[in-house]
C-alpha atoms as a PDB file:
ATOM      1  CA  UNK A   1      13.032  -5.276  19.706  1.00  0.00           C
ATOM      2  CA  UNK A   2      13.678  -0.972  19.009  1.00  0.00           C
ATOM      3  CA  UNK A   3      16.609  -2.433  16.714  1.00  0.00           C
ATOM      4  CA  UNK A   4      14.760  -4.620  14.544  1.00  0.00           C
ATOM      5  CA  UNK A   5      11.995  -1.781  14.093  1.00  0.00           C
ATOM      6  CA  UNK A   6      14.658   0.746  12.886  1.00  0.00           C
ATOM      7  CA  UNK A   7      16.659  -1.979  10.682  1.00  0.00           C
ATOM      8  CA  UNK A   8      13.455  -2.153   9.297  1.00  0.00           C
ATOM      9  CA  UNK A   9      12.171   1.352   9.071  1.00  0.00           C
ATOM     10  CA  UNK A  10      16.461   1.927   7.297  1.00  0.00           C
ATOM     11  CA  UNK A  11      15.992  -0.382   4.614  1.00  0.00           C
ATOM     12  CA  UNK A  12      12.519   1.167   4.067  1.00  0.00           C
ATOM     13  CA  UNK A  13      13.993   4.350   3.644  1.00  0.00           C
ATOM     14  CA  UNK A  14      16.572   3.796   1.363  1.00  0.00           C
ATOM     15  CA  UNK A  15      14.299   2.235  -0.817  1.00  0.00           C
ATOM     16  CA  UNK A  16      12.087   4.786  -0.879  1.00  0.00           C
ATOM     17  CA  UNK A  17      15.261   7.022  -1.611  1.00  0.00           C
ATOM     18  CA  UNK A  18      16.486   4.754  -4.947  1.00  0.00           C
ATOM     19  CA  UNK A  19      13.024   5.035  -5.892  1.00  0.00           C
ATOM     20  CA  UNK A  20      12.510   8.456  -5.625  1.00  0.00           C
ATOM     21  CA  UNK A  21      16.148   9.126  -7.297  1.00  0.00           C
ATOM     22  CA  UNK A  22      15.246   6.377  -9.814  1.00  0.00           C
ATOM     23  CA  UNK A  23      12.276   8.256 -10.465  1.00  0.00           C
ATOM     24  CA  UNK A  24      14.479  11.261 -11.441  1.00  0.00           C
ATOM     25  CA  UNK A  25      16.722  10.046 -13.306  1.00  0.00           C
ATOM     26  CA  UNK A  26      14.788   7.712 -15.413  1.00  0.00           C
ATOM     27  CA  UNK A  27      11.271   9.545 -16.377  1.00  0.00           C
ATOM     28  CA  UNK A  28      14.009  11.509 -19.347  1.00  0.00           C
ATOM     29  CA  UNK A  29      15.052   7.591 -20.592  1.00  0.00           C
ATOM     30  CA  UNK A  30      10.705   5.939 -21.190  1.00  0.00           C
ATOM     31  CA  UNK A  31      11.102   4.826 -24.245  1.00  0.00           C
ATOM     32  CA  UNK A  32       8.289   5.902 -26.759  1.00  0.00           C
ATOM     33  CA  UNK A  33       6.907   2.339 -27.733  1.00  0.00           C
ATOM     34  CA  UNK A  34       4.995   0.015 -24.788  1.00  0.00           C
ATOM     35  CA  UNK A  35       7.733  -2.723 -23.778  1.00  0.00           C
ATOM     36  CA  UNK A  36       5.830  -5.900 -22.324  1.00  0.00           C
ATOM     37  CA  UNK A  37       7.396  -9.387 -20.793  1.00  0.00           C
ATOM     38  CA  UNK A  38       6.028 -12.089 -19.382  1.00  0.00           C
ATOM     39  CA  UNK A  39       8.649 -12.834 -16.810  1.00  0.00           C
ATOM     40  CA  UNK A  40      11.404  -9.929 -15.240  1.00  0.00           C
ATOM     41  CA  UNK A  41      13.904 -10.259 -12.868  1.00  0.00           C
ATOM     42  CA  UNK A  42      15.147  -6.934 -11.098  1.00  0.00           C
ATOM     43  CA  UNK A  43      18.257  -6.706  -8.555  1.00  0.00           C
ATOM     44  CA  UNK A  44      17.273  -3.392  -8.146  1.00  0.00           C
ATOM     45  CA  UNK A  45      14.278  -0.816  -9.307  1.00  0.00           C
ATOM     46  CA  UNK A  46      16.788   0.246 -12.153  1.00  0.00           C
ATOM     47  CA  UNK A  47      19.202  -2.091 -12.330  1.00  0.00           C
ATOM     48  CA  UNK A  48      18.606  -4.091 -14.910  1.00  0.00           C
ATOM     49  CA  UNK A  49      16.711  -0.882 -16.570  1.00  0.00           C
ATOM     50  CA  UNK A  50      14.275  -2.928 -18.802  1.00  0.00           C
ATOM     51  CA  UNK A  51      12.028  -4.476 -14.890  1.00  0.00           C
ATOM     52  CA  UNK A  52      11.615  -0.402 -14.394  1.00  0.00           C
ATOM     53  CA  UNK A  53      10.270   0.632 -18.360  1.00  0.00           C
ATOM     54  CA  UNK A  54       8.184  -2.536 -18.613  1.00  0.00           C
ATOM     55  CA  UNK A  55       5.120  -4.054 -18.923  1.00  0.00           C
ATOM     56  CA  UNK A  56       5.054  -6.910 -16.629  1.00  0.00           C
ATOM     57  CA  UNK A  57       1.817  -9.302 -18.150  1.00  0.00           C
ATOM     58  CA  UNK A  58       3.030 -12.508 -15.331  1.00  0.00           C
ATOM     59  CA  UNK A  59       5.931 -12.489 -12.852  1.00  0.00           C
ATOM     60  CA  UNK A  60       8.070  -9.889 -12.336  1.00  0.00           C
ATOM     61  CA  UNK A  61      10.498 -11.036  -9.619  1.00  0.00           C
ATOM     62  CA  UNK A  62      12.764  -8.813  -7.188  1.00  0.00           C
ATOM     63  CA  UNK A  63      16.132 -10.338  -5.564  1.00  0.00           C
ATOM     64  CA  UNK A  64      16.356  -9.004  -3.026  1.00  0.00           C
ATOM     65  CA  UNK A  65      13.791  -5.682  -4.906  1.00  0.00           C
ATOM     66  CA  UNK A  66      11.995  -4.019  -7.696  1.00  0.00           C
ATOM     67  CA  UNK A  67      10.304  -1.502  -9.056  1.00  0.00           C
ATOM     68  CA  UNK A  68       8.948   0.725 -12.287  1.00  0.00           C
ATOM     69  CA  UNK A  69       6.994   3.388 -14.121  1.00  0.00           C
ATOM     70  CA  UNK A  70       5.091   0.651 -15.777  1.00  0.00           C
ATOM     71  CA  UNK A  71       2.182  -1.695 -14.426  1.00  0.00           C
ATOM     72  CA  UNK A  72       2.107  -5.685 -13.532  1.00  0.00           C
ATOM     73  CA  UNK A  73      -1.023  -7.736 -15.155  1.00  0.00           C
ATOM     74  CA  UNK A  74       0.021 -10.360 -12.192  1.00  0.00           C
ATOM     75  CA  UNK A  75       2.589 -11.264 -10.024  1.00  0.00           C
ATOM     76  CA  UNK A  76       4.989  -8.692  -8.072  1.00  0.00           C
ATOM     77  CA  UNK A  77       6.959 -10.469  -5.707  1.00  0.00           C
ATOM     78  CA  UNK A  78      10.105  -9.976  -3.718  1.00  0.00           C
ATOM     79  CA  UNK A  79      12.469 -10.743  -0.345  1.00  0.00           C
ATOM     80  CA  UNK A  80      12.871  -6.769   0.157  1.00  0.00           C
ATOM     81  CA  UNK A  81      10.541  -4.981  -1.425  1.00  0.00           C
ATOM     82  CA  UNK A  82       7.844  -3.973  -4.600  1.00  0.00           C
ATOM     83  CA  UNK A  83       7.381  -0.324  -5.828  1.00  0.00           C
ATOM     84  CA  UNK A  84       5.988  -0.825  -9.226  1.00  0.00           C
ATOM     85  CA  UNK A  85       3.597   2.113  -9.619  1.00  0.00           C
ATOM     86  CA  UNK A  86       0.633   0.149 -11.430  1.00  0.00           C
ATOM     87  CA  UNK A  87      -0.874  -3.272 -10.007  1.00  0.00           C
ATOM     88  CA  UNK A  88      -3.409  -5.505 -11.385  1.00  0.00           C
ATOM     89  CA  UNK A  89      -2.977  -8.659  -9.682  1.00  0.00           C
ATOM     90  CA  UNK A  90      -0.804  -9.135  -6.461  1.00  0.00           C
ATOM     91  CA  UNK A  91       2.379  -7.596  -5.007  1.00  0.00           C
ATOM     92  CA  UNK A  92       3.926  -9.055  -2.681  1.00  0.00           C
ATOM     93  CA  UNK A  93       7.433  -8.586   0.111  1.00  0.00           C
ATOM     94  CA  UNK A  94       8.768  -9.313   3.214  1.00  0.00           C
ATOM     95  CA  UNK A  95       9.538  -5.694   4.179  1.00  0.00           C
ATOM     96  CA  UNK A  96       7.281  -3.326   1.750  1.00  0.00           C
ATOM     97  CA  UNK A  97       5.156  -3.065  -0.346  1.00  0.00           C
ATOM     98  CA  UNK A  98       4.973   0.876  -2.587  1.00  0.00           C
ATOM     99  CA  UNK A  99       2.277   1.683  -5.799  1.00  0.00           C
ATOM    100  CA  UNK A 100       0.992   3.869  -6.903  1.00  0.00           C
ATOM    101  CA  UNK A 101      -3.214   2.220  -7.585  1.00  0.00           C
ATOM    102  CA  UNK A 102      -2.981  -1.380  -6.964  1.00  0.00           C
ATOM    103  CA  UNK A 103      -6.071  -4.082  -7.837  1.00  0.00           C
ATOM    104  CA  UNK A 104      -5.868  -6.741  -6.013  1.00  0.00           C
ATOM    105  CA  UNK A 105      -3.587  -7.569  -3.116  1.00  0.00           C
ATOM    106  CA  UNK A 106      -1.092  -5.982  -1.648  1.00  0.00           C
ATOM    107  CA  UNK A 107       0.824  -8.337   0.518  1.00  0.00           C
ATOM    108  CA  UNK A 108       3.780  -7.641   3.107  1.00  0.00           C
ATOM    109  CA  UNK A 109       5.126  -5.910   6.604  1.00  0.00           C
ATOM    110  CA  UNK A 110       4.575  -2.136   5.417  1.00  0.00           C
ATOM    111  CA  UNK A 111       1.715  -1.720   2.624  1.00  0.00           C
ATOM    112  CA  UNK A 112       1.314   1.591   0.724  1.00  0.00           C
ATOM    113  CA  UNK A 113      -0.689   2.846  -2.184  1.00  0.00           C
ATOM    114  CA  UNK A 114      -0.343   6.359  -3.268  1.00  0.00           C
ATOM    115  CA  UNK A 115      -2.959   7.045  -4.974  1.00  0.00           C
ATOM    116  CA  UNK A 116      -5.479   4.593  -5.119  1.00  0.00           C
ATOM    117  CA  UNK A 117      -5.817   0.554  -3.681  1.00  0.00           C
ATOM    118  CA  UNK A 118      -8.793  -1.579  -4.466  1.00  0.00           C
ATOM    119  CA  UNK A 119      -8.750  -5.154  -3.328  1.00  0.00           C
ATOM    120  CA  UNK A 120      -6.796  -6.425   0.512  1.00  0.00           C
ATOM    121  CA  UNK A 121      -4.017  -5.051   2.497  1.00  0.00           C
ATOM    122  CA  UNK A 122      -2.324  -6.856   5.143  1.00  0.00           C
ATOM    123  CA  UNK A 123       0.130  -5.938   7.016  1.00  0.00           C
ATOM    124  CA  UNK A 124       1.761  -4.722  10.083  1.00  0.00           C
ATOM    125  CA  UNK A 125       1.026  -1.264   8.685  1.00  0.00           C
ATOM    126  CA  UNK A 126      -0.978  -0.335   5.770  1.00  0.00           C
ATOM    127  CA  UNK A 127      -1.262   2.798   3.859  1.00  0.00           C
ATOM    128  CA  UNK A 128      -3.606   4.762   1.144  1.00  0.00           C
ATOM    129  CA  UNK A 129      -3.149   8.520   0.493  1.00  0.00           C
ATOM    130  CA  UNK A 130      -6.110   8.752  -1.260  1.00  0.00           C
ATOM    131  CA  UNK A 131      -9.446   6.352  -1.540  1.00  0.00           C
ATOM    132  CA  UNK A 132      -9.629   2.601  -0.339  1.00  0.00           C
ATOM    133  CA  UNK A 133     -11.765  -0.184  -1.617  1.00  0.00           C
ATOM    134  CA  UNK A 134     -11.134  -2.959  -0.060  1.00  0.00           C
ATOM    135  CA  UNK A 135     -10.342  -4.922   3.336  1.00  0.00           C
ATOM    136  CA  UNK A 136      -7.755  -4.165   5.223  1.00  0.00           C
ATOM    137  CA  UNK A 137      -5.497  -5.795   7.592  1.00  0.00           C
ATOM    138  CA  UNK A 138      -2.433  -4.915   9.817  1.00  0.00           C
ATOM    139  CA  UNK A 139      -2.265  -3.342  13.302  1.00  0.00           C
ATOM    140  CA  UNK A 140      -1.914   0.083  11.849  1.00  0.00           C
ATOM    141  CA  UNK A 141      -4.691   0.840   8.401  1.00  0.00           C
ATOM    142  CA  UNK A 142      -5.104   4.697   6.678  1.00  0.00           C
ATOM    143  CA  UNK A 143      -7.044   6.176   4.394  1.00  0.00           C
ATOM    144  CA  UNK A 144      -6.500   9.534   3.705  1.00  0.00           C
ATOM    145  CA  UNK A 145      -9.237  10.475   2.279  1.00  0.00           C
ATOM    146  CA  UNK A 146     -12.911   7.751   1.412  1.00  0.00           C
ATOM    147  CA  UNK A 147     -12.570   4.062   3.320  1.00  0.00           C
ATOM    148  CA  UNK A 148     -14.895   2.421   1.923  1.00  0.00           C
ATOM    149  CA  UNK A 149     -15.247  -1.794   3.082  1.00  0.00           C
ATOM    150  CA  UNK A 150     -13.609  -3.163   6.365  1.00  0.00           C
ATOM    151  CA  UNK A 151     -10.572  -2.423   8.200  1.00  0.00           C
ATOM    152  CA  UNK A 152      -9.722  -4.293  10.714  1.00  0.00           C
ATOM    153  CA  UNK A 153      -7.039  -3.826  13.810  1.00  0.00           C
ATOM    154  CA  UNK A 154      -5.204  -1.792  16.584  1.00  0.00           C
ATOM    155  CA  UNK A 155      -5.491   1.805  15.458  1.00  0.00           C
ATOM    156  CA  UNK A 156      -7.564   2.371  12.039  1.00  0.00           C
ATOM    157  CA  UNK A 157      -8.135   5.329  10.827  1.00  0.00           C
ATOM    158  CA  UNK A 158      -9.530   7.336   7.312  1.00  0.00           C
ATOM    159  CA  UNK A 159     -11.054  10.712   6.780  1.00  0.00           C
ATOM    160  CA  UNK A 160     -14.621   8.977   5.049  1.00  0.00           C
ATOM    161  CA  UNK A 161     -15.669   5.855   5.975  1.00  0.00           C
ATOM    162  CA  UNK A 162     -17.948   4.179   4.369  1.00  0.00           C
ATOM    163  CA  UNK A 163     -17.742   0.776   5.825  1.00  0.00           C
ATOM    164  CA  UNK A 164     -16.885  -0.484   8.794  1.00  0.00           C
ATOM    165  CA  UNK A 165     -13.461  -0.325  11.361  1.00  0.00           C
ATOM    166  CA  UNK A 166     -12.906  -2.725  13.575  1.00  0.00           C
ATOM    167  CA  UNK A 167     -10.122  -2.229  16.435  1.00  0.00           C
ATOM    168  CA  UNK A 168      -9.054  -1.051  19.602  1.00  0.00           C
ATOM    169  CA  UNK A 169      -8.576   3.183  18.467  1.00  0.00           C
ATOM    170  CA  UNK A 170     -10.902   3.450  15.395  1.00  0.00           C
ATOM    171  CA  UNK A 171     -10.669   7.816  14.191  1.00  0.00           C
ATOM    172  CA  UNK A 172     -13.419   8.789  10.998  1.00  0.00           C
ATOM    173  CA  UNK A 173     -13.250  12.576   9.917  1.00  0.00           C
ATOM    174  CA  UNK A 174     -16.847  11.868   8.082  1.00  0.00           C
ATOM    175  CA  UNK A 175     -19.551   8.975   8.697  1.00  0.00           C
ATOM    176  CA  UNK A 176     -19.045   4.865   9.299  1.00  0.00           C
ATOM    177  CA  UNK A 177     -19.574   2.092  12.035  1.00  0.00           C
ATOM    178  CA  UNK A 178     -16.974   1.748  13.988  1.00  0.00           C
ATOM    179  CA  UNK A 179     -16.284  -1.059  16.720  1.00  0.00           C
ATOM    180  CA  UNK A 180     -13.524  -1.091  19.457  1.00  0.00           C
ATOM    181  CA  UNK A 181     -12.645  -0.230  22.649  1.00  0.00           C
ATOM    182  CA  UNK A 182     -11.872   3.677  21.789  1.00  0.00           C
ATOM    183  CA  UNK A 183     -13.962   5.438  18.197  1.00  0.00           C
ATOM    184  CA  UNK A 184     -14.077   8.627  17.406  1.00  0.00           C
ATOM    185  CA  UNK A 185     -16.822  10.335  13.925  1.00  0.00           C
ATOM    186  CA  UNK A 186     -15.669  13.764  13.832  1.00  0.00           C
ATOM    187  CA  UNK A 187     -18.693  15.133  12.448  1.00  0.00           C
ATOM    188  CA  UNK A 188     -20.804  12.753  14.129  1.00  0.00           C
ATOM    189  CA  UNK A 189     -23.158  14.397  16.590  1.00  0.00           C
ATOM    190  CA  UNK A 190     -22.252  11.937  20.016  1.00  0.00           C
ATOM    191  CA  UNK A 191     -18.343  12.123  18.513  1.00  0.00           C
ATOM    192  CA  UNK A 192     -16.772   9.806  21.666  1.00  0.00           C
ATOM    193  CA  UNK A 193     -18.337   6.432  22.316  1.00  0.00           C
ATOM    194  CA  UNK A 194     -17.827   3.044  23.624  1.00  0.00           C
ATOM    195  CA  UNK A 195     -17.527  -0.684  22.275  1.00  0.00           C
ATOM    196  CA  UNK A 196     -19.192   1.038  19.045  1.00  0.00           C
ATOM    197  CA  UNK A 197     -20.847   4.196  16.944  1.00  0.00           C
ATOM    198  CA  UNK A 198     -22.149   5.412  13.877  1.00  0.00           C
ATOM    199  CA  UNK A 199     -23.259   8.095  12.040  1.00  0.00           C
ATOM    200  CA  UNK A 200     -24.429   8.146   7.977  1.00  0.00           C
END
């Protein structure tokens, strides 16, 4: 099991590294006019270069990885990982989905929204660096700022929760409604309660 997890983490870190390097190298090459397409096929985020800098209104397919600095309005799906910045629709992969903002569905082993998420995240590990609105289903659900909706998992964390957390361990720095074995709301008059805790 440790070898499988190590393999997944290695692949994931490779994808992130390639994406970071690609971001640093291709931002200077972005064309001034807006290009769009109904279908784009990608092997890696910048191979070929067209999917990386083209808005897609339809299907963006990664065999094995896709990514880009533009938007997908429809479906981005990849064998290993998807990494387009803006998603309005669905982002589905086996290993990892990474975006800045999504409205719709993220479905993979690991789902990351670096700015904002609105919709459903389903996977083993779901994280949003800033705000999230909707449903998170996974073993680990993390929201860096404000979570508004429902998080169901083993471990749920939100800096501020305006929704419901259901899990074995639920933590919120500020406000929320929690159901689980251990429930912590740090700014609550009673910060720790088993089974149920709330603060508004």
